[in-house]
N, C-alpha and C. Protein backbone atom coordinates (compact mmCIF):
# COMPACT_ATOMS: atom_id res chain seq x y z
N MET A 1 0.85 -1.18 0.00
CA MET A 1 0.00 0.00 0.00
C MET A 1 0.89 1.24 0.00
N SER A 2 0.80 2.05 -1.02
CA SER A 2 1.63 3.25 -1.10
C SER A 2 0.82 4.47 -0.70
N SER A 3 1.51 5.40 -0.06
CA SER A 3 0.83 6.64 0.32
C SER A 3 1.30 7.76 -0.59
N ASN A 4 0.51 8.73 -0.76
CA ASN A 4 0.84 9.87 -1.61
C ASN A 4 1.76 10.79 -0.82
N ARG A 5 3.04 10.84 -1.21
CA ARG A 5 4.02 11.63 -0.45
C ARG A 5 3.71 13.12 -0.51
N TYR A 6 3.04 13.55 -1.57
CA TYR A 6 2.72 14.98 -1.68
C TYR A 6 1.69 15.40 -0.63
N LEU A 7 0.69 14.57 -0.43
CA LEU A 7 -0.31 14.90 0.58
C LEU A 7 0.29 14.84 1.98
N ARG A 8 1.19 13.90 2.19
CA ARG A 8 1.81 13.73 3.50
C ARG A 8 2.72 14.90 3.87
N ASP A 9 3.40 15.49 2.90
CA ASP A 9 4.41 16.50 3.17
C ASP A 9 3.89 17.94 3.15
N ILE A 10 2.67 18.15 2.77
CA ILE A 10 2.15 19.52 2.68
C ILE A 10 1.60 19.94 4.04
N PRO A 11 2.19 20.96 4.64
CA PRO A 11 1.64 21.42 5.92
C PRO A 11 0.32 22.16 5.68
N LEU A 12 -0.71 21.78 6.40
CA LEU A 12 -2.01 22.43 6.25
C LEU A 12 -2.12 23.56 7.26
N PRO A 13 -2.56 24.74 6.82
CA PRO A 13 -2.64 25.87 7.75
C PRO A 13 -3.64 25.60 8.85
N GLY A 14 -3.25 25.98 10.07
CA GLY A 14 -4.15 25.89 11.20
C GLY A 14 -4.11 24.57 11.94
N LEU A 15 -3.40 23.56 11.42
CA LEU A 15 -3.40 22.27 12.10
C LEU A 15 -2.44 22.25 13.28
N GLU A 16 -1.37 23.02 13.23
CA GLU A 16 -0.41 23.05 14.33
C GLU A 16 -0.72 24.17 15.32
N GLU A 17 -1.54 25.12 14.93
CA GLU A 17 -1.80 26.28 15.76
C GLU A 17 -3.28 26.34 16.11
N GLY A 18 -3.60 27.20 17.05
CA GLY A 18 -5.00 27.42 17.38
C GLY A 18 -5.50 26.46 18.43
N PRO A 19 -6.59 26.82 19.06
CA PRO A 19 -7.15 25.99 20.12
C PRO A 19 -7.87 24.76 19.55
N VAL A 20 -8.03 23.76 20.39
CA VAL A 20 -8.68 22.52 20.01
C VAL A 20 -10.19 22.65 20.23
N GLY A 21 -10.97 22.17 19.27
CA GLY A 21 -12.42 22.18 19.41
C GLY A 21 -13.03 20.89 18.89
N TYR A 22 -14.32 20.76 19.11
CA TYR A 22 -15.05 19.55 18.75
C TYR A 22 -16.24 19.91 17.87
N ARG A 23 -16.49 19.09 16.85
CA ARG A 23 -17.58 19.33 15.90
C ARG A 23 -18.92 18.96 16.51
N GLY A 24 -19.96 19.53 15.94
CA GLY A 24 -21.32 19.34 16.43
C GLY A 24 -21.76 17.90 16.63
N PRO A 25 -21.59 17.01 15.64
CA PRO A 25 -22.04 15.63 15.84
C PRO A 25 -21.38 14.95 17.03
N GLN A 26 -20.08 15.22 17.25
CA GLN A 26 -19.38 14.65 18.40
C GLN A 26 -19.96 15.21 19.70
N VAL A 27 -20.18 16.51 19.71
CA VAL A 27 -20.72 17.18 20.89
C VAL A 27 -22.09 16.61 21.24
N CYS A 28 -22.92 16.39 20.24
CA CYS A 28 -24.26 15.85 20.47
C CYS A 28 -24.20 14.49 21.15
N LYS A 29 -23.25 13.65 20.75
CA LYS A 29 -23.11 12.33 21.36
C LYS A 29 -22.73 12.44 22.83
N VAL A 30 -21.79 13.33 23.14
CA VAL A 30 -21.33 13.50 24.51
C VAL A 30 -22.45 14.07 25.39
N VAL A 31 -23.18 15.04 24.87
CA VAL A 31 -24.20 15.73 25.65
C VAL A 31 -25.49 14.92 25.74
N GLY A 32 -25.76 14.12 24.71
CA GLY A 32 -27.00 13.35 24.69
C GLY A 32 -28.17 14.13 24.12
N ILE A 33 -27.89 14.95 23.10
CA ILE A 33 -28.93 15.74 22.45
C ILE A 33 -28.87 15.49 20.95
N THR A 34 -29.89 15.95 20.26
CA THR A 34 -29.90 15.82 18.80
C THR A 34 -29.14 17.00 18.19
N TYR A 35 -28.73 16.82 16.94
CA TYR A 35 -28.06 17.91 16.25
C TYR A 35 -29.01 19.10 16.07
N ARG A 36 -30.28 18.78 15.89
CA ARG A 36 -31.28 19.84 15.74
C ARG A 36 -31.36 20.71 17.00
N GLN A 37 -31.31 20.07 18.19
CA GLN A 37 -31.30 20.83 19.44
C GLN A 37 -30.06 21.71 19.53
N LEU A 38 -28.91 21.13 19.22
CA LEU A 38 -27.66 21.89 19.27
C LEU A 38 -27.72 23.09 18.33
N ASP A 39 -28.20 22.87 17.13
CA ASP A 39 -28.30 23.95 16.16
C ASP A 39 -29.24 25.05 16.66
N TYR A 40 -30.37 24.67 17.22
CA TYR A 40 -31.33 25.64 17.74
C TYR A 40 -30.71 26.44 18.89
N TRP A 41 -30.09 25.75 19.83
CA TRP A 41 -29.49 26.44 20.97
C TRP A 41 -28.38 27.39 20.53
N THR A 42 -27.65 26.99 19.48
CA THR A 42 -26.57 27.83 18.98
C THR A 42 -27.11 29.03 18.21
N THR A 43 -28.07 28.81 17.32
CA THR A 43 -28.58 29.92 16.51
C THR A 43 -29.39 30.92 17.35
N THR A 44 -29.96 30.47 18.47
CA THR A 44 -30.70 31.40 19.34
C THR A 44 -29.80 32.05 20.39
N GLY A 45 -28.51 31.69 20.41
CA GLY A 45 -27.57 32.33 21.32
C GLY A 45 -27.52 31.76 22.71
N LEU A 46 -28.20 30.65 22.97
CA LEU A 46 -28.13 30.02 24.29
C LEU A 46 -26.69 29.59 24.57
N ILE A 47 -26.09 28.95 23.60
CA ILE A 47 -24.69 28.52 23.66
C ILE A 47 -24.04 28.94 22.35
N ARG A 48 -22.84 29.48 22.44
CA ARG A 48 -22.11 29.86 21.23
C ARG A 48 -20.80 29.09 21.20
N PRO A 49 -20.42 28.59 20.04
CA PRO A 49 -19.15 27.87 19.96
C PRO A 49 -17.98 28.83 20.16
N SER A 50 -17.15 28.56 21.14
CA SER A 50 -16.05 29.46 21.49
C SER A 50 -14.89 29.40 20.51
N ILE A 51 -14.70 28.28 19.86
CA ILE A 51 -13.54 28.12 18.99
C ILE A 51 -13.81 28.68 17.61
N ARG A 52 -14.90 28.22 16.98
CA ARG A 52 -15.21 28.70 15.64
C ARG A 52 -16.71 28.58 15.39
N ASP A 53 -17.30 29.65 14.91
CA ASP A 53 -18.71 29.64 14.55
C ASP A 53 -18.83 29.27 13.07
N ALA A 54 -20.00 28.88 12.65
CA ALA A 54 -20.22 28.56 11.24
C ALA A 54 -20.10 29.85 10.43
N GLU A 55 -19.47 29.74 9.28
CA GLU A 55 -19.27 30.90 8.42
C GLU A 55 -19.82 30.62 7.03
N GLY A 56 -21.06 30.19 6.97
CA GLY A 56 -21.68 29.91 5.68
C GLY A 56 -21.84 28.42 5.45
N SER A 57 -22.39 28.10 4.31
CA SER A 57 -22.69 26.71 3.97
C SER A 57 -21.41 25.88 3.92
N GLY A 58 -21.47 24.72 4.55
CA GLY A 58 -20.34 23.79 4.52
C GLY A 58 -19.33 23.99 5.62
N SER A 59 -19.38 25.10 6.35
CA SER A 59 -18.41 25.31 7.42
C SER A 59 -18.89 24.60 8.69
N GLN A 60 -17.97 24.28 9.55
CA GLN A 60 -18.26 23.54 10.77
C GLN A 60 -18.00 24.39 12.00
N ARG A 61 -18.94 24.36 12.93
CA ARG A 61 -18.70 25.00 14.22
C ARG A 61 -17.75 24.12 15.02
N LEU A 62 -16.94 24.76 15.83
CA LEU A 62 -16.07 24.03 16.76
C LEU A 62 -16.36 24.50 18.17
N TYR A 63 -16.69 23.56 19.04
CA TYR A 63 -17.04 23.86 20.42
C TYR A 63 -15.87 23.54 21.34
N ALA A 64 -15.62 24.41 22.31
CA ALA A 64 -14.57 24.20 23.30
C ALA A 64 -15.10 23.30 24.42
N PHE A 65 -14.20 22.84 25.26
CA PHE A 65 -14.58 22.01 26.40
C PHE A 65 -15.61 22.72 27.27
N ASP A 66 -15.39 24.00 27.57
CA ASP A 66 -16.34 24.76 28.41
C ASP A 66 -17.72 24.84 27.75
N ASP A 67 -17.77 24.91 26.44
CA ASP A 67 -19.06 24.91 25.74
C ASP A 67 -19.79 23.59 25.97
N ILE A 68 -19.04 22.50 25.96
CA ILE A 68 -19.64 21.18 26.17
C ILE A 68 -20.18 21.07 27.59
N VAL A 69 -19.43 21.59 28.55
CA VAL A 69 -19.90 21.58 29.94
C VAL A 69 -21.21 22.37 30.03
N GLN A 70 -21.26 23.55 29.41
CA GLN A 70 -22.49 24.34 29.43
C GLN A 70 -23.65 23.57 28.81
N LEU A 71 -23.41 22.90 27.71
CA LEU A 71 -24.46 22.12 27.05
C LEU A 71 -24.94 20.98 27.93
N LYS A 72 -24.02 20.31 28.63
CA LYS A 72 -24.41 19.24 29.53
C LYS A 72 -25.25 19.78 30.68
N VAL A 73 -24.90 20.96 31.17
CA VAL A 73 -25.68 21.58 32.24
C VAL A 73 -27.09 21.91 31.75
N VAL A 74 -27.18 22.48 30.56
CA VAL A 74 -28.49 22.79 29.97
C VAL A 74 -29.33 21.52 29.87
N LYS A 75 -28.74 20.46 29.36
CA LYS A 75 -29.46 19.19 29.20
C LYS A 75 -29.95 18.67 30.54
N ARG A 76 -29.10 18.71 31.56
CA ARG A 76 -29.50 18.20 32.88
C ARG A 76 -30.61 19.04 33.49
N LEU A 77 -30.53 20.36 33.32
CA LEU A 77 -31.60 21.22 33.85
C LEU A 77 -32.91 20.97 33.11
N LEU A 78 -32.85 20.79 31.80
CA LEU A 78 -34.06 20.47 31.04
C LEU A 78 -34.65 19.13 31.51
N ASP A 79 -33.79 18.15 31.72
CA ASP A 79 -34.25 16.84 32.18
C ASP A 79 -34.89 16.93 33.57
N ALA A 80 -34.48 17.94 34.36
CA ALA A 80 -35.05 18.14 35.69
C ALA A 80 -36.35 18.94 35.65
N GLY A 81 -36.76 19.36 34.44
CA GLY A 81 -38.02 20.07 34.31
C GLY A 81 -37.92 21.58 34.32
N ILE A 82 -36.70 22.12 34.26
CA ILE A 82 -36.51 23.56 34.23
C ILE A 82 -36.75 24.05 32.80
N SER A 83 -37.45 25.17 32.66
CA SER A 83 -37.76 25.67 31.32
C SER A 83 -36.51 26.25 30.66
N LEU A 84 -36.49 26.19 29.35
CA LEU A 84 -35.37 26.73 28.58
C LEU A 84 -35.23 28.23 28.85
N GLN A 85 -36.34 28.92 29.04
CA GLN A 85 -36.32 30.35 29.33
C GLN A 85 -35.59 30.63 30.65
N GLN A 86 -35.85 29.83 31.68
CA GLN A 86 -35.17 30.02 32.97
C GLN A 86 -33.69 29.66 32.86
N ILE A 87 -33.38 28.62 32.09
CA ILE A 87 -31.98 28.23 31.89
C ILE A 87 -31.23 29.35 31.18
N ARG A 88 -31.87 29.93 30.18
CA ARG A 88 -31.25 31.04 29.44
C ARG A 88 -30.94 32.20 30.40
N LYS A 89 -31.88 32.54 31.28
CA LYS A 89 -31.66 33.62 32.25
C LYS A 89 -30.49 33.30 33.18
N ALA A 90 -30.42 32.05 33.63
CA ALA A 90 -29.33 31.66 34.53
C ALA A 90 -27.97 31.75 33.84
N LEU A 91 -27.90 31.26 32.60
CA LEU A 91 -26.63 31.32 31.86
C LEU A 91 -26.24 32.77 31.58
N ASP A 92 -27.23 33.60 31.25
CA ASP A 92 -26.94 35.02 31.03
C ASP A 92 -26.38 35.66 32.29
N TRP A 93 -26.95 35.31 33.44
CA TRP A 93 -26.47 35.86 34.72
C TRP A 93 -25.03 35.43 34.96
N VAL A 94 -24.73 34.15 34.73
CA VAL A 94 -23.37 33.64 34.92
C VAL A 94 -22.40 34.38 34.00
N ARG A 95 -22.78 34.58 32.75
CA ARG A 95 -21.92 35.29 31.78
C ARG A 95 -21.75 36.76 32.15
N GLU A 96 -22.83 37.42 32.55
CA GLU A 96 -22.76 38.84 32.92
C GLU A 96 -21.82 39.08 34.09
N HIS A 97 -21.70 38.10 34.97
CA HIS A 97 -20.83 38.22 36.13
C HIS A 97 -19.45 37.59 35.89
N ASP A 98 -19.16 37.28 34.62
CA ASP A 98 -17.87 36.69 34.21
C ASP A 98 -17.48 35.50 35.09
N LEU A 99 -18.44 34.63 35.35
CA LEU A 99 -18.18 33.43 36.14
C LEU A 99 -18.05 32.24 35.20
N SER A 100 -17.42 31.22 35.68
CA SER A 100 -17.34 29.95 34.96
C SER A 100 -18.33 29.00 35.61
N LEU A 101 -19.02 28.22 34.81
CA LEU A 101 -19.95 27.25 35.38
C LEU A 101 -19.24 26.25 36.27
N SER A 102 -17.95 26.05 36.07
CA SER A 102 -17.19 25.13 36.90
C SER A 102 -17.13 25.58 38.36
N ASN A 103 -17.34 26.87 38.61
CA ASN A 103 -17.25 27.41 39.96
C ASN A 103 -18.60 27.83 40.54
N VAL A 104 -19.68 27.36 39.93
CA VAL A 104 -21.02 27.78 40.33
C VAL A 104 -21.86 26.55 40.63
N THR A 105 -22.71 26.65 41.63
CA THR A 105 -23.72 25.63 41.87
C THR A 105 -25.05 26.21 41.44
N LEU A 106 -25.76 25.48 40.61
CA LEU A 106 -27.06 25.94 40.16
C LEU A 106 -28.14 25.26 40.99
N ILE A 107 -29.09 26.05 41.46
CA ILE A 107 -30.22 25.54 42.23
C ILE A 107 -31.47 26.07 41.57
N ALA A 108 -32.46 25.20 41.43
CA ALA A 108 -33.68 25.60 40.75
C ALA A 108 -34.90 25.13 41.51
N ASP A 109 -35.93 25.96 41.53
CA ASP A 109 -37.25 25.52 41.96
C ASP A 109 -38.16 25.64 40.75
N ALA A 110 -39.43 25.55 40.95
CA ALA A 110 -40.34 25.57 39.82
C ALA A 110 -40.38 26.92 39.10
N LYS A 111 -39.94 27.99 39.75
CA LYS A 111 -40.07 29.33 39.19
C LYS A 111 -38.74 29.99 38.85
N GLN A 112 -37.65 29.57 39.45
CA GLN A 112 -36.42 30.33 39.37
C GLN A 112 -35.22 29.40 39.34
N VAL A 113 -34.15 29.82 38.65
CA VAL A 113 -32.86 29.14 38.71
C VAL A 113 -31.91 30.09 39.41
N TYR A 114 -31.20 29.57 40.41
CA TYR A 114 -30.26 30.38 41.17
C TYR A 114 -28.84 29.94 40.85
N ALA A 115 -27.97 30.89 40.67
CA ALA A 115 -26.55 30.59 40.48
C ALA A 115 -25.85 31.05 41.75
N LEU A 116 -25.30 30.09 42.48
CA LEU A 116 -24.74 30.38 43.79
C LEU A 116 -23.23 30.19 43.82
N THR A 117 -22.57 31.12 44.49
CA THR A 117 -21.12 31.01 44.62
C THR A 117 -20.67 30.98 46.08
N GLU A 118 -21.59 31.20 47.01
CA GLU A 118 -21.26 31.20 48.44
C GLU A 118 -22.25 30.34 49.20
N GLU A 119 -21.79 29.67 50.28
CA GLU A 119 -22.67 28.81 51.07
C GLU A 119 -23.82 29.60 51.69
N ARG A 120 -23.59 30.82 52.09
CA ARG A 120 -24.64 31.64 52.72
C ARG A 120 -25.82 31.80 51.78
N ASP A 121 -25.57 32.05 50.52
CA ASP A 121 -26.66 32.16 49.55
C ASP A 121 -27.46 30.87 49.48
N LEU A 122 -26.79 29.74 49.53
CA LEU A 122 -27.47 28.46 49.49
C LEU A 122 -28.40 28.31 50.69
N LEU A 123 -27.94 28.67 51.85
CA LEU A 123 -28.77 28.57 53.05
C LEU A 123 -29.99 29.48 52.95
N ASP A 124 -29.84 30.66 52.44
CA ASP A 124 -30.97 31.57 52.29
C ASP A 124 -32.05 30.98 51.39
N VAL A 125 -31.67 30.30 50.34
CA VAL A 125 -32.66 29.72 49.43
C VAL A 125 -33.41 28.58 50.12
N ILE A 126 -32.69 27.74 50.80
CA ILE A 126 -33.31 26.58 51.43
C ILE A 126 -34.24 27.01 52.57
N LYS A 127 -33.92 28.08 53.28
CA LYS A 127 -34.76 28.55 54.40
C LYS A 127 -36.16 28.94 53.95
N ARG A 128 -36.34 29.24 52.69
CA ARG A 128 -37.66 29.63 52.21
C ARG A 128 -38.65 28.46 52.21
N GLY A 129 -38.16 27.24 52.38
CA GLY A 129 -39.05 26.09 52.44
C GLY A 129 -39.51 25.57 51.09
N GLN A 130 -38.90 26.04 50.01
CA GLN A 130 -39.28 25.59 48.69
C GLN A 130 -38.51 24.32 48.33
N GLY A 131 -39.15 23.46 47.55
CA GLY A 131 -38.43 22.31 47.02
C GLY A 131 -37.50 22.79 45.92
N VAL A 132 -36.24 22.39 45.97
CA VAL A 132 -35.28 22.86 44.99
C VAL A 132 -34.53 21.68 44.38
N PHE A 133 -33.96 21.92 43.22
CA PHE A 133 -33.11 20.96 42.52
C PHE A 133 -31.73 21.60 42.45
N ALA A 134 -30.70 20.94 42.99
CA ALA A 134 -29.34 21.48 42.95
C ALA A 134 -28.51 20.66 41.97
N LEU A 135 -27.73 21.35 41.17
CA LEU A 135 -26.86 20.70 40.19
C LEU A 135 -25.43 21.12 40.47
N ASP A 136 -24.65 20.20 41.02
CA ASP A 136 -23.23 20.45 41.26
C ASP A 136 -22.51 20.26 39.93
N ILE A 137 -21.82 21.30 39.48
CA ILE A 137 -21.22 21.28 38.16
C ILE A 137 -19.94 20.44 38.12
N GLY A 138 -19.27 20.25 39.25
CA GLY A 138 -18.03 19.48 39.30
C GLY A 138 -18.12 18.11 38.64
N PRO A 139 -19.10 17.29 39.02
CA PRO A 139 -19.23 15.99 38.36
C PRO A 139 -19.55 16.09 36.87
N VAL A 140 -20.25 17.13 36.45
CA VAL A 140 -20.54 17.33 35.03
C VAL A 140 -19.23 17.58 34.29
N VAL A 141 -18.35 18.39 34.88
CA VAL A 141 -17.05 18.67 34.28
C VAL A 141 -16.23 17.39 34.18
N GLN A 142 -16.20 16.60 35.26
CA GLN A 142 -15.43 15.35 35.24
C GLN A 142 -15.97 14.37 34.20
N GLU A 143 -17.28 14.27 34.10
CA GLU A 143 -17.89 13.39 33.11
C GLU A 143 -17.54 13.83 31.69
N ALA A 144 -17.61 15.13 31.45
CA ALA A 144 -17.28 15.66 30.13
C ALA A 144 -15.81 15.40 29.80
N GLU A 145 -14.93 15.59 30.79
CA GLU A 145 -13.50 15.33 30.56
C GLU A 145 -13.27 13.88 30.16
N ALA A 146 -13.93 12.95 30.85
CA ALA A 146 -13.75 11.53 30.55
C ALA A 146 -14.26 11.21 29.14
N GLN A 147 -15.37 11.80 28.75
CA GLN A 147 -15.93 11.52 27.43
C GLN A 147 -15.10 12.16 26.32
N ILE A 148 -14.57 13.34 26.56
CA ILE A 148 -13.84 14.08 25.53
C ILE A 148 -12.51 13.43 25.20
N THR A 149 -11.91 12.76 26.17
CA THR A 149 -10.62 12.13 25.90
C THR A 149 -10.73 11.05 24.83
N ARG A 150 -11.94 10.55 24.58
CA ARG A 150 -12.15 9.51 23.57
C ARG A 150 -12.58 10.09 22.23
N MET A 151 -12.67 11.42 22.11
CA MET A 151 -13.13 12.06 20.87
C MET A 151 -11.98 12.69 20.12
N PRO A 152 -12.03 12.64 18.79
CA PRO A 152 -11.00 13.36 18.02
C PRO A 152 -11.27 14.86 18.09
N ALA A 153 -10.22 15.62 18.26
CA ALA A 153 -10.33 17.07 18.32
C ALA A 153 -9.84 17.67 17.01
N GLU A 154 -10.18 18.89 16.79
CA GLU A 154 -9.78 19.60 15.58
C GLU A 154 -9.23 20.95 15.99
N ARG A 155 -8.14 21.35 15.35
CA ARG A 155 -7.57 22.67 15.65
C ARG A 155 -8.16 23.71 14.73
N ALA A 156 -8.42 24.88 15.28
CA ALA A 156 -8.92 25.99 14.48
C ALA A 156 -7.75 26.89 14.12
N ALA A 157 -7.76 27.38 12.91
CA ALA A 157 -6.74 28.33 12.48
C ALA A 157 -6.92 29.61 13.28
N PRO A 158 -5.84 30.26 13.71
CA PRO A 158 -5.96 31.47 14.52
C PRO A 158 -6.82 32.56 13.89
N ALA A 159 -6.84 32.67 12.57
CA ALA A 159 -7.61 33.73 11.92
C ALA A 159 -9.11 33.53 12.08
N THR A 160 -9.58 32.32 12.38
CA THR A 160 -11.02 32.07 12.47
C THR A 160 -11.50 32.02 13.92
N MET A 161 -10.61 32.24 14.87
CA MET A 161 -11.02 32.19 16.27
C MET A 161 -11.86 33.40 16.62
N ARG A 162 -12.86 33.18 17.45
CA ARG A 162 -13.70 34.27 17.93
C ARG A 162 -13.05 34.92 19.13
N ARG A 163 -13.15 36.22 19.22
CA ARG A 163 -12.70 36.93 20.42
C ARG A 163 -13.74 36.77 21.50
N ARG A 164 -13.29 36.53 22.70
CA ARG A 164 -14.21 36.49 23.83
C ARG A 164 -14.49 37.92 24.29
N ARG A 165 -15.64 38.11 24.89
CA ARG A 165 -16.03 39.43 25.37
C ARG A 165 -14.97 39.98 26.31
N GLY A 166 -14.57 41.21 26.08
CA GLY A 166 -13.59 41.87 26.92
C GLY A 166 -12.16 41.72 26.46
N GLU A 167 -11.90 40.85 25.48
CA GLU A 167 -10.53 40.71 24.97
C GLU A 167 -10.22 41.86 24.03
N PRO A 168 -8.99 42.35 24.05
CA PRO A 168 -8.64 43.46 23.14
C PRO A 168 -8.64 42.99 21.69
N GLN A 169 -8.97 43.90 20.80
CA GLN A 169 -8.98 43.61 19.36
C GLN A 169 -7.55 43.68 18.83
N ALA A 170 -7.21 42.72 17.95
CA ALA A 170 -5.87 42.73 17.36
C ALA A 170 -5.70 43.96 16.46
N VAL A 171 -4.45 44.39 16.31
CA VAL A 171 -4.15 45.59 15.55
C VAL A 171 -4.54 45.43 14.08
N ASN A 172 -4.34 44.25 13.50
CA ASN A 172 -4.60 44.06 12.08
C ASN A 172 -6.05 43.68 11.77
N GLU A 173 -6.96 43.69 12.73
CA GLU A 173 -8.36 43.36 12.48
C GLU A 173 -9.13 44.58 12.06
């Protein structure tokens, strides 16, 4: 079996540089959702791919590890009966306060999702006597890490990376 030496020796741009991301179909398997759900959540802004967004027909979104954790959290909250509208509000709150879901405990009752970072806040919620659902994000992160190690990753070329909110704009942009 001979290999084409020309294909083997040509360096492809972006393969050695840029952050690692995962394509939608892989992400769907890890999270346990359909591609249609992922596409809807992405196009409505619930979750945005941090590595690379779609740039027209045929392009592929690339999701970072943190994006996958967020998607797993959304799925678990939906499975617990929390509305997508309440989940959206909770994620917006976490983003507005520049927090990582890895450092937040989410607690939900039938009307509200709470994002807690201190034990005192947790006690205040429980004292109200409401039934609540708590989601510790640590195990979600560990589960995602274990699943991702078995998935092929893809590198994004630096020119296609999205800037995160608050990052300075490059001089040549």
